[in-house]
Amino acid sequence: MGTATQDPGLLIMISLASGPKHGHAMMRDVEAFAGVHLGPGTLYGALTRLDEGGLVEPLAADGRRQPYRLTPAGLTTLRARLGEMGQAVSIGLARVTGR
């Protein structure tokens, strides 16, 4: 299991990069693209931290469902983190292939 799959906040931001979602939709999306099951406690704890950090924000509730979206700061943070990971992956692949 890689670093990205051990970071619920990163997985949530990746999920929200495709558009606003409520909690259950985020859990299904993360499981589909990363193979990681986020339990409700993990999901909502990470959402609270992301919201407090200004990286996501809640939208108007849709019945009992509370959708969230990335903020502009969240999108900038996500791009930066993915760029850092991409650089590390490129270097690691070059080293293991001898290129």
PDB file of N, CA and C in Angstrom:
ATOM      1  N   MET A   1       0.845  -1.185   0.000  1.00  0.00           N
ATOM      2  CA  MET A   1       0.000   0.000   0.000  1.00  0.00           C
ATOM      3  C   MET A   1       0.883   1.238   0.000  1.00  0.00           C
ATOM      4  N   GLY A   2       0.629   2.160  -0.916  1.00  0.00           N
ATOM      5  CA  GLY A   2       1.467   3.333  -1.070  1.00  0.00           C
ATOM      6  C   GLY A   2       1.060   4.479  -0.175  1.00  0.00           C
ATOM      7  N   THR A   3       1.890   5.519  -0.172  1.00  0.00           N
ATOM      8  CA  THR A   3       1.642   6.694   0.652  1.00  0.00           C
ATOM      9  C   THR A   3       0.303   7.338   0.325  1.00  0.00           C
ATOM     10  N   ALA A   4      -0.021   7.463  -0.957  1.00  0.00           N
ATOM     11  CA  ALA A   4      -1.277   8.105  -1.350  1.00  0.00           C
ATOM     12  C   ALA A   4      -2.471   7.362  -0.785  1.00  0.00           C
ATOM     13  N   THR A   5      -2.403   6.033  -0.767  1.00  0.00           N
ATOM     14  CA  THR A   5      -3.540   5.262  -0.277  1.00  0.00           C
ATOM     15  C   THR A   5      -3.629   5.272   1.237  1.00  0.00           C
ATOM     16  N   GLN A   6      -2.608   5.791   1.900  1.00  0.00           N
ATOM     17  CA  GLN A   6      -2.621   5.897   3.356  1.00  0.00           C
ATOM     18  C   GLN A   6      -3.036   7.295   3.809  1.00  0.00           C
ATOM     19  N   ASP A   7      -3.389   8.164   2.877  1.00  0.00           N
ATOM     20  CA  ASP A   7      -3.736   9.543   3.198  1.00  0.00           C
ATOM     21  C   ASP A   7      -5.187   9.807   2.797  1.00  0.00           C
ATOM     22  N   PRO A   8      -6.126   9.647   3.741  1.00  0.00           N
ATOM     23  CA  PRO A   8      -7.531   9.852   3.390  1.00  0.00           C
ATOM     24  C   PRO A   8      -7.816  11.238   2.820  1.00  0.00           C
ATOM     25  N   GLY A   9      -7.134  12.262   3.343  1.00  0.00           N
ATOM     26  CA  GLY A   9      -7.356  13.617   2.841  1.00  0.00           C
ATOM     27  C   GLY A   9      -7.018  13.750   1.369  1.00  0.00           C
ATOM     28  N   LEU A  10      -5.900  13.164   0.971  1.00  0.00           N
ATOM     29  CA  LEU A  10      -5.503  13.203  -0.430  1.00  0.00           C
ATOM     30  C   LEU A  10      -6.511  12.449  -1.290  1.00  0.00           C
ATOM     31  N   LEU A  11      -6.939  11.275  -0.831  1.00  0.00           N
ATOM     32  CA  LEU A  11      -7.919  10.493  -1.593  1.00  0.00           C
ATOM     33  C   LEU A  11      -9.235  11.252  -1.739  1.00  0.00           C
ATOM     34  N   ILE A  12      -9.662  11.939  -0.689  1.00  0.00           N
ATOM     35  CA  ILE A  12     -10.892  12.724  -0.747  1.00  0.00           C
ATOM     36  C   ILE A  12     -10.735  13.873  -1.738  1.00  0.00           C
ATOM     37  N   MET A  13      -9.601  14.566  -1.698  1.00  0.00           N
ATOM     38  CA  MET A  13      -9.402  15.671  -2.639  1.00  0.00           C
ATOM     39  C   MET A  13      -9.374  15.164  -4.080  1.00  0.00           C
ATOM     40  N   ILE A  14      -8.759  14.014  -4.315  1.00  0.00           N
ATOM     41  CA  ILE A  14      -8.764  13.431  -5.662  1.00  0.00           C
ATOM     42  C   ILE A  14     -10.191  13.134  -6.081  1.00  0.00           C
ATOM     43  N   SER A  15     -10.993  12.582  -5.187  1.00  0.00           N
ATOM     44  CA  SER A  15     -12.389  12.290  -5.500  1.00  0.00           C
ATOM     45  C   SER A  15     -13.147  13.566  -5.843  1.00  0.00           C
ATOM     46  N   LEU A  16     -12.958  14.603  -5.043  1.00  0.00           N
ATOM     47  CA  LEU A  16     -13.683  15.861  -5.264  1.00  0.00           C
ATOM     48  C   LEU A  16     -13.180  16.628  -6.484  1.00  0.00           C
ATOM     49  N   ALA A  17     -12.017  16.270  -6.997  1.00  0.00           N
ATOM     50  CA  ALA A  17     -11.500  16.948  -8.196  1.00  0.00           C
ATOM     51  C   ALA A  17     -12.409  16.718  -9.400  1.00  0.00           C
ATOM     52  N   SER A  18     -13.213  15.653  -9.372  1.00  0.00           N
ATOM     53  CA  SER A  18     -14.134  15.406 -10.489  1.00  0.00           C
ATOM     54  C   SER A  18     -15.494  16.054 -10.262  1.00  0.00           C
ATOM     55  N   GLY A  19     -15.659  16.748  -9.142  1.00  0.00           N
ATOM     56  CA  GLY A  19     -16.910  17.452  -8.867  1.00  0.00           C
ATOM     57  C   GLY A  19     -17.400  17.188  -7.462  1.00  0.00           C
ATOM     58  N   PRO A  20     -18.361  17.991  -6.998  1.00  0.00           N
ATOM     59  CA  PRO A  20     -18.885  17.841  -5.635  1.00  0.00           C
ATOM     60  C   PRO A  20     -19.506  16.468  -5.413  1.00  0.00           C
ATOM     61  N   LYS A  21     -19.369  15.988  -4.188  1.00  0.00           N
ATOM     62  CA  LYS A  21     -19.939  14.687  -3.807  1.00  0.00           C
ATOM     63  C   LYS A  21     -20.310  14.717  -2.332  1.00  0.00           C
ATOM     64  N   HIS A  22     -21.274  13.885  -1.965  1.00  0.00           N
ATOM     65  CA  HIS A  22     -21.591  13.663  -0.558  1.00  0.00           C
ATOM     66  C   HIS A  22     -20.740  12.491  -0.065  1.00  0.00           C
ATOM     67  N   GLY A  23     -20.765  12.245   1.226  1.00  0.00           N
ATOM     68  CA  GLY A  23     -19.877  11.267   1.836  1.00  0.00           C
ATOM     69  C   GLY A  23     -19.935   9.877   1.236  1.00  0.00           C
ATOM     70  N   HIS A  24     -21.126   9.331   1.060  1.00  0.00           N
ATOM     71  CA  HIS A  24     -21.235   7.970   0.531  1.00  0.00           C
ATOM     72  C   HIS A  24     -20.672   7.894  -0.886  1.00  0.00           C
ATOM     73  N   ALA A  25     -20.934   8.907  -1.691  1.00  0.00           N
ATOM     74  CA  ALA A  25     -20.399   8.928  -3.060  1.00  0.00           C
ATOM     75  C   ALA A  25     -18.874   9.002  -3.049  1.00  0.00           C
ATOM     76  N   MET A  26     -18.312   9.753  -2.100  1.00  0.00           N
ATOM     77  CA  MET A  26     -16.850   9.818  -1.990  1.00  0.00           C
ATOM     78  C   MET A  26     -16.279   8.458  -1.612  1.00  0.00           C
ATOM     79  N   MET A  27     -16.917   7.783  -0.652  1.00  0.00           N
ATOM     80  CA  MET A  27     -16.435   6.460  -0.232  1.00  0.00           C
ATOM     81  C   MET A  27     -16.445   5.487  -1.414  1.00  0.00           C
ATOM     82  N   ARG A  28     -17.522   5.483  -2.194  1.00  0.00           N
ATOM     83  CA  ARG A  28     -17.608   4.590  -3.363  1.00  0.00           C
ATOM     84  C   ARG A  28     -16.556   4.952  -4.396  1.00  0.00           C
ATOM     85  N   ASP A  29     -16.361   6.251  -4.645  1.00  0.00           N
ATOM     86  CA  ASP A  29     -15.392   6.699  -5.642  1.00  0.00           C
ATOM     87  C   ASP A  29     -13.973   6.317  -5.239  1.00  0.00           C
ATOM     88  N   VAL A  30     -13.607   6.568  -3.998  1.00  0.00           N
ATOM     89  CA  VAL A  30     -12.268   6.237  -3.513  1.00  0.00           C
ATOM     90  C   VAL A  30     -12.026   4.726  -3.614  1.00  0.00           C
ATOM     91  N   GLU A  31     -13.030   3.956  -3.254  1.00  0.00           N
ATOM     92  CA  GLU A  31     -12.874   2.505  -3.350  1.00  0.00           C
ATOM     93  C   GLU A  31     -12.682   2.087  -4.811  1.00  0.00           C
ATOM     94  N   ALA A  32     -13.396   2.750  -5.731  1.00  0.00           N
ATOM     95  CA  ALA A  32     -13.298   2.395  -7.154  1.00  0.00           C
ATOM     96  C   ALA A  32     -11.932   2.752  -7.742  1.00  0.00           C
ATOM     97  N   PHE A  33     -11.394   3.954  -7.437  1.00  0.00           N
ATOM     98  CA  PHE A  33     -10.139   4.344  -8.090  1.00  0.00           C
ATOM     99  C   PHE A  33      -8.889   3.961  -7.307  1.00  0.00           C
ATOM    100  N   ALA A  34      -9.018   3.746  -5.993  1.00  0.00           N
ATOM    101  CA  ALA A  34      -7.817   3.460  -5.196  1.00  0.00           C
ATOM    102  C   ALA A  34      -7.860   2.097  -4.516  1.00  0.00           C
ATOM    103  N   GLY A  35      -9.029   1.460  -4.524  1.00  0.00           N
ATOM    104  CA  GLY A  35      -9.141   0.179  -3.851  1.00  0.00           C
ATOM    105  C   GLY A  35      -9.071   0.289  -2.336  1.00  0.00           C
ATOM    106  N   VAL A  36      -9.390   1.473  -1.815  1.00  0.00           N
ATOM    107  CA  VAL A  36      -9.313   1.731  -0.381  1.00  0.00           C
ATOM    108  C   VAL A  36     -10.716   2.002   0.151  1.00  0.00           C
ATOM    109  N   HIS A  37     -11.084   1.283   1.209  1.00  0.00           N
ATOM    110  CA  HIS A  37     -12.373   1.530   1.860  1.00  0.00           C
ATOM    111  C   HIS A  37     -12.157   2.528   2.988  1.00  0.00           C
ATOM    112  N   LEU A  38     -12.780   3.683   2.866  1.00  0.00           N
ATOM    113  CA  LEU A  38     -12.749   4.677   3.941  1.00  0.00           C
ATOM    114  C   LEU A  38     -14.012   4.498   4.771  1.00  0.00           C
ATOM    115  N   GLY A  39     -13.857   4.185   6.031  1.00  0.00           N
ATOM    116  CA  GLY A  39     -15.015   4.107   6.910  1.00  0.00           C
ATOM    117  C   GLY A  39     -15.547   5.497   7.200  1.00  0.00           C
ATOM    118  N   PRO A  40     -16.784   5.586   7.683  1.00  0.00           N
ATOM    119  CA  PRO A  40     -17.377   6.901   7.963  1.00  0.00           C
ATOM    120  C   PRO A  40     -16.542   7.752   8.916  1.00  0.00           C
ATOM    121  N   GLY A  41     -15.975   7.151   9.962  1.00  0.00           N
ATOM    122  CA  GLY A  41     -15.167   7.920  10.912  1.00  0.00           C
ATOM    123  C   GLY A  41     -13.935   8.516  10.260  1.00  0.00           C
ATOM    124  N   THR A  42     -13.272   7.722   9.435  1.00  0.00           N
ATOM    125  CA  THR A  42     -12.081   8.194   8.718  1.00  0.00           C
ATOM    126  C   THR A  42     -12.463   9.282   7.726  1.00  0.00           C
ATOM    127  N   LEU A  43     -13.530   9.029   6.956  1.00  0.00           N
ATOM    128  CA  LEU A  43     -13.971   9.990   5.946  1.00  0.00           C
ATOM    129  C   LEU A  43     -14.325  11.330   6.578  1.00  0.00           C
ATOM    130  N   TYR A  44     -15.208  11.304   7.567  1.00  0.00           N
ATOM    131  CA  TYR A  44     -15.692  12.573   8.118  1.00  0.00           C
ATOM    132  C   TYR A  44     -14.640  13.269   8.978  1.00  0.00           C
ATOM    133  N   GLY A  45     -13.740  12.504   9.601  1.00  0.00           N
ATOM    134  CA  GLY A  45     -12.623  13.135  10.299  1.00  0.00           C
ATOM    135  C   GLY A  45     -11.722  13.881   9.331  1.00  0.00           C
ATOM    136  N   ALA A  46     -11.420  13.237   8.199  1.00  0.00           N
ATOM    137  CA  ALA A  46     -10.575  13.889   7.184  1.00  0.00           C
ATOM    138  C   ALA A  46     -11.297  15.079   6.568  1.00  0.00           C
ATOM    139  N   LEU A  47     -12.598  14.941   6.299  1.00  0.00           N
ATOM    140  CA  LEU A  47     -13.357  16.073   5.744  1.00  0.00           C
ATOM    141  C   LEU A  47     -13.337  17.267   6.696  1.00  0.00           C
ATOM    142  N   THR A  48     -13.466  17.005   7.985  1.00  0.00           N
ATOM    143  CA  THR A  48     -13.428  18.089   8.975  1.00  0.00           C
ATOM    144  C   THR A  48     -12.079  18.799   8.923  1.00  0.00           C
ATOM    145  N   ARG A  49     -10.989  18.025   8.881  1.00  0.00           N
ATOM    146  CA  ARG A  49      -9.651  18.642   8.817  1.00  0.00           C
ATOM    147  C   ARG A  49      -9.474  19.433   7.520  1.00  0.00           C
ATOM    148  N   LEU A  50      -9.941  18.878   6.403  1.00  0.00           N
ATOM    149  CA  LEU A  50      -9.827  19.583   5.119  1.00  0.00           C
ATOM    150  C   LEU A  50     -10.645  20.867   5.131  1.00  0.00           C
ATOM    151  N   ASP A  51     -11.841  20.817   5.706  1.00  0.00           N
ATOM    152  CA  ASP A  51     -12.708  22.002   5.801  1.00  0.00           C
ATOM    153  C   ASP A  51     -12.049  23.055   6.688  1.00  0.00           C
ATOM    154  N   GLU A  52     -11.534  22.638   7.838  1.00  0.00           N
ATOM    155  CA  GLU A  52     -10.866  23.582   8.747  1.00  0.00           C
ATOM    156  C   GLU A  52      -9.634  24.196   8.093  1.00  0.00           C
ATOM    157  N   GLY A  53      -8.990  23.456   7.203  1.00  0.00           N
ATOM    158  CA  GLY A  53      -7.819  23.964   6.494  1.00  0.00           C
ATOM    159  C   GLY A  53      -8.163  24.777   5.252  1.00  0.00           C
ATOM    160  N   GLY A  54      -9.447  24.917   4.954  1.00  0.00           N
ATOM    161  CA  GLY A  54      -9.868  25.711   3.803  1.00  0.00           C
ATOM    162  C   GLY A  54      -9.681  24.996   2.467  1.00  0.00           C
ATOM    163  N   LEU A  55      -9.513  23.670   2.493  1.00  0.00           N
ATOM    164  CA  LEU A  55      -9.259  22.928   1.262  1.00  0.00           C
ATOM    165  C   LEU A  55     -10.531  22.370   0.626  1.00  0.00           C
ATOM    166  N   VAL A  56     -11.564  22.149   1.432  1.00  0.00           N
ATOM    167  CA  VAL A  56     -12.884  21.759   0.930  1.00  0.00           C
ATOM    168  C   VAL A  56     -13.913  22.620   1.631  1.00  0.00           C
ATOM    169  N   GLU A  57     -15.123  22.646   1.058  1.00  0.00           N
ATOM    170  CA  GLU A  57     -16.203  23.377   1.711  1.00  0.00           C
ATOM    171  C   GLU A  57     -17.514  22.647   1.486  1.00  0.00           C
ATOM    172  N   PRO A  58     -18.388  22.701   2.500  1.00  0.00           N
ATOM    173  CA  PRO A  58     -19.691  22.076   2.334  1.00  0.00           C
ATOM    174  C   PRO A  58     -20.572  22.938   1.441  1.00  0.00           C
ATOM    175  N   LEU A  59     -21.435  22.297   0.701  1.00  0.00           N
ATOM    176  CA  LEU A  59     -22.437  22.974  -0.114  1.00  0.00           C
ATOM    177  C   LEU A  59     -23.780  22.840   0.588  1.00  0.00           C
ATOM    178  N   ALA A  60     -24.807  23.441   0.025  1.00  0.00           N
ATOM    179  CA  ALA A  60     -26.144  23.320   0.601  1.00  0.00           C
ATOM    180  C   ALA A  60     -26.529  21.848   0.660  1.00  0.00           C
ATOM    181  N   ALA A  61     -27.099  21.452   1.789  1.00  0.00           N
ATOM    182  CA  ALA A  61     -27.491  20.053   1.970  1.00  0.00           C
ATOM    183  C   ALA A  61     -28.560  19.665   0.956  1.00  0.00           C
ATOM    184  N   ASP A  62     -28.472  18.413   0.525  1.00  0.00           N
ATOM    185  CA  ASP A  62     -29.446  17.833  -0.397  1.00  0.00           C
ATOM    186  C   ASP A  62     -30.207  16.778   0.394  1.00  0.00           C
ATOM    187  N   GLY A  63     -31.248  17.205   1.087  1.00  0.00           N
ATOM    188  CA  GLY A  63     -31.936  16.307   1.998  1.00  0.00           C
ATOM    189  C   GLY A  63     -31.028  15.997   3.159  1.00  0.00           C
ATOM    190  N   ARG A  64     -30.772  14.711   3.398  1.00  0.00           N
ATOM    191  CA  ARG A  64     -29.870  14.306   4.484  1.00  0.00           C
ATOM    192  C   ARG A  64     -28.421  14.308   4.039  1.00  0.00           C
ATOM    193  N   ARG A  65     -28.184  14.429   2.766  1.00  0.00           N
ATOM    194  CA  ARG A  65     -26.812  14.356   2.242  1.00  0.00           C
ATOM    195  C   ARG A  65     -26.151  15.730   2.258  1.00  0.00           C
ATOM    196  N   GLN A  66     -24.892  15.749   2.689  1.00  0.00           N
ATOM    197  CA  GLN A  66     -24.103  16.980   2.731  1.00  0.00           C
ATOM    198  C   GLN A  66     -23.004  16.892   1.688  1.00  0.00           C
ATOM    199  N   PRO A  67     -23.171  17.548   0.540  1.00  0.00           N
ATOM    200  CA  PRO A  67     -22.098  17.505  -0.456  1.00  0.00           C
ATOM    201  C   PRO A  67     -20.972  18.473  -0.096  1.00  0.00           C
ATOM    202  N   TYR A  68     -19.800  18.132  -0.599  1.00  0.00           N
ATOM    203  CA  TYR A  68     -18.602  18.962  -0.425  1.00  0.00           C
ATOM    204  C   TYR A  68     -17.966  19.190  -1.784  1.00  0.00           C
ATOM    205  N   ARG A  69     -17.175  20.262  -1.862  1.00  0.00           N
ATOM    206  CA  ARG A  69     -16.394  20.502  -3.074  1.00  0.00           C
ATOM    207  C   ARG A  69     -15.028  21.029  -2.671  1.00  0.00           C
ATOM    208  N   LEU A  70     -14.099  20.892  -3.621  1.00  0.00           N
ATOM    209  CA  LEU A  70     -12.769  21.478  -3.422  1.00  0.00           C
ATOM    210  C   LEU A  70     -12.876  22.990  -3.502  1.00  0.00           C
ATOM    211  N   THR A  71     -12.112  23.677  -2.689  1.00  0.00           N
ATOM    212  CA  THR A  71     -11.986  25.125  -2.808  1.00  0.00           C
ATOM    213  C   THR A  71     -10.841  25.405  -3.790  1.00  0.00           C
ATOM    214  N   PRO A  72     -10.696  26.647  -4.241  1.00  0.00           N
ATOM    215  CA  PRO A  72      -9.530  26.961  -5.076  1.00  0.00           C
ATOM    216  C   PRO A  72      -8.209  26.606  -4.372  1.00  0.00           C
ATOM    217  N   ALA A  73      -8.121  26.848  -3.068  1.00  0.00           N
ATOM    218  CA  ALA A  73      -6.905  26.478  -2.325  1.00  0.00           C
ATOM    219  C   ALA A  73      -6.728  24.965  -2.304  1.00  0.00           C
ATOM    220  N   GLY A  74      -7.818  24.234  -2.213  1.00  0.00           N
ATOM    221  CA  GLY A  74      -7.750  22.781  -2.231  1.00  0.00           C
ATOM    222  C   GLY A  74      -7.245  22.261  -3.566  1.00  0.00           C
ATOM    223  N   LEU A  75      -7.708  22.864  -4.650  1.00  0.00           N
ATOM    224  CA  LEU A  75      -7.253  22.451  -5.975  1.00  0.00           C
ATOM    225  C   LEU A  75      -5.761  22.738  -6.147  1.00  0.00           C
ATOM    226  N   THR A  76      -5.318  23.888  -5.689  1.00  0.00           N
ATOM    227  CA  THR A  76      -3.895  24.235  -5.757  1.00  0.00           C
ATOM    228  C   THR A  76      -3.061  23.250  -4.938  1.00  0.00           C
ATOM    229  N   THR A  77      -3.528  22.937  -3.741  1.00  0.00           N
ATOM    230  CA  THR A  77      -2.828  21.989  -2.873  1.00  0.00           C
ATOM    231  C   THR A  77      -2.779  20.606  -3.511  1.00  0.00           C
ATOM    232  N   LEU A  78      -3.899  20.166  -4.077  1.00  0.00           N
ATOM    233  CA  LEU A  78      -3.946  18.858  -4.725  1.00  0.00           C
ATOM    234  C   LEU A  78      -2.969  18.795  -5.892  1.00  0.00           C
ATOM    235  N   ARG A  79      -2.960  19.818  -6.723  1.00  0.00           N
ATOM    236  CA  ARG A  79      -2.026  19.842  -7.855  1.00  0.00           C
ATOM    237  C   ARG A  79      -0.576  19.751  -7.371  1.00  0.00           C
ATOM    238  N   ALA A  80      -0.253  20.503  -6.336  1.00  0.00           N
ATOM    239  CA  ALA A  80       1.115  20.506  -5.816  1.00  0.00           C
ATOM    240  C   ALA A  80       1.489  19.130  -5.259  1.00  0.00           C
ATOM    241  N   ARG A  81       0.604  18.535  -4.490  1.00  0.00           N
ATOM    242  CA  ARG A  81       0.912  17.218  -3.904  1.00  0.00           C
ATOM    243  C   ARG A  81       1.052  16.151  -4.973  1.00  0.00           C
ATOM    244  N   LEU A  82       0.179  16.172  -5.972  1.00  0.00           N
ATOM    245  CA  LEU A  82       0.273  15.188  -7.054  1.00  0.00           C
ATOM    246  C   LEU A  82       1.537  15.413  -7.880  1.00  0.00           C
ATOM    247  N   GLY A  83       1.912  16.671  -8.072  1.00  0.00           N
ATOM    248  CA  GLY A  83       3.154  16.970  -8.789  1.00  0.00           C
ATOM    249  C   GLY A  83       4.368  16.429  -8.058  1.00  0.00           C
ATOM    250  N   GLU A  84       4.382  16.598  -6.731  1.00  0.00           N
ATOM    251  CA  GLU A  84       5.488  16.065  -5.929  1.00  0.00           C
ATOM    252  C   GLU A  84       5.538  14.546  -6.022  1.00  0.00           C
ATOM    253  N   MET A  85       4.378  13.927  -5.965  1.00  0.00           N
ATOM    254  CA  MET A  85       4.323  12.464  -6.060  1.00  0.00           C
ATOM    255  C   MET A  85       4.770  12.014  -7.445  1.00  0.00           C
ATOM    256  N   GLY A  86       4.352  12.733  -8.470  1.00  0.00           N
ATOM    257  CA  GLY A  86       4.736  12.383  -9.836  1.00  0.00           C
ATOM    258  C   GLY A  86       6.236  12.441 -10.018  1.00  0.00           C
ATOM    259  N   GLN A  87       6.863  13.455  -9.439  1.00  0.00           N
ATOM    260  CA  GLN A  87       8.312  13.587  -9.539  1.00  0.00           C
ATOM    261  C   GLN A  87       8.997  12.411  -8.837  1.00  0.00           C
ATOM    262  N   ALA A  88       8.516  12.052  -7.666  1.00  0.00           N
ATOM    263  CA  ALA A  88       9.105  10.936  -6.926  1.00  0.00           C
ATOM    264  C   ALA A  88       8.931   9.629  -7.699  1.00  0.00           C
ATOM    265  N   VAL A  89       7.756   9.441  -8.300  1.00  0.00           N
ATOM    266  CA  VAL A  89       7.507   8.227  -9.081  1.00  0.00           C
ATOM    267  C   VAL A  89       8.439   8.186 -10.286  1.00  0.00           C
ATOM    268  N   SER A  90       8.599   9.300 -10.984  1.00  0.00           N
ATOM    269  CA  SER A  90       9.491   9.348 -12.149  1.00  0.00           C
ATOM    270  C   SER A  90      10.919   9.004 -11.773  1.00  0.00           C
ATOM    271  N   ILE A  91      11.393   9.584 -10.703  1.00  0.00           N
ATOM    272  CA  ILE A  91      12.765   9.312 -10.256  1.00  0.00           C
ATOM    273  C   ILE A  91      12.903   7.848  -9.838  1.00  0.00           C
ATOM    274  N   GLY A  92      11.930   7.352  -9.090  1.00  0.00           N
ATOM    275  CA  GLY A  92      11.983   5.965  -8.660  1.00  0.00           C
ATOM    276  C   GLY A  92      11.961   4.997  -9.822  1.00  0.00           C
ATOM    277  N   LEU A  93      11.096   5.235 -10.811  1.00  0.00           N
ATOM    278  CA  LEU A  93      11.057   4.361 -11.985  1.00  0.00           C
ATOM    279  C   LEU A  93      12.366   4.408 -12.761  1.00  0.00           C
ATOM    280  N   ALA A  94      12.942   5.598 -12.893  1.00  0.00           N
ATOM    281  CA  ALA A  94      14.219   5.722 -13.604  1.00  0.00           C
ATOM    282  C   ALA A  94      15.306   4.938 -12.880  1.00  0.00           C
ATOM    283  N   ARG A  95      15.291   4.970 -11.576  1.00  0.00           N
ATOM    284  CA  ARG A  95      16.324   4.269 -10.811  1.00  0.00           C
ATOM    285  C   ARG A  95      16.166   2.746 -10.890  1.00  0.00           C
ATOM    286  N   VAL A  96      14.935   2.264 -10.849  1.00  0.00           N
ATOM    287  CA  VAL A  96      14.758   0.811 -10.876  1.00  0.00           C
ATOM    288  C   VAL A  96      14.924   0.238 -12.275  1.00  0.00           C
ATOM    289  N   THR A  97      14.768   1.075 -13.308  1.00  0.00           N
ATOM    290  CA  THR A  97      14.962   0.596 -14.676  1.00  0.00           C
ATOM    291  C   THR A  97      16.370   0.903 -15.188  1.00  0.00           C
ATOM    292  N   GLY A  98      17.136   1.672 -14.393  1.00  0.00           N
ATOM    293  CA  GLY A  98      18.499   2.003 -14.784  1.00  0.00           C
ATOM    294  C   GLY A  98      18.589   3.074 -15.856  1.00  0.00           C
ATOM    295  N   ARG A  99      17.545   3.860 -16.008  1.00  0.00           N
ATOM    296  CA  ARG A  99      17.538   4.923 -17.030  1.00  0.00           C
ATOM    297  C   ARG A  99      17.741   6.281 -16.445  1.00  0.00           C
TER     298      ARG A  99
END
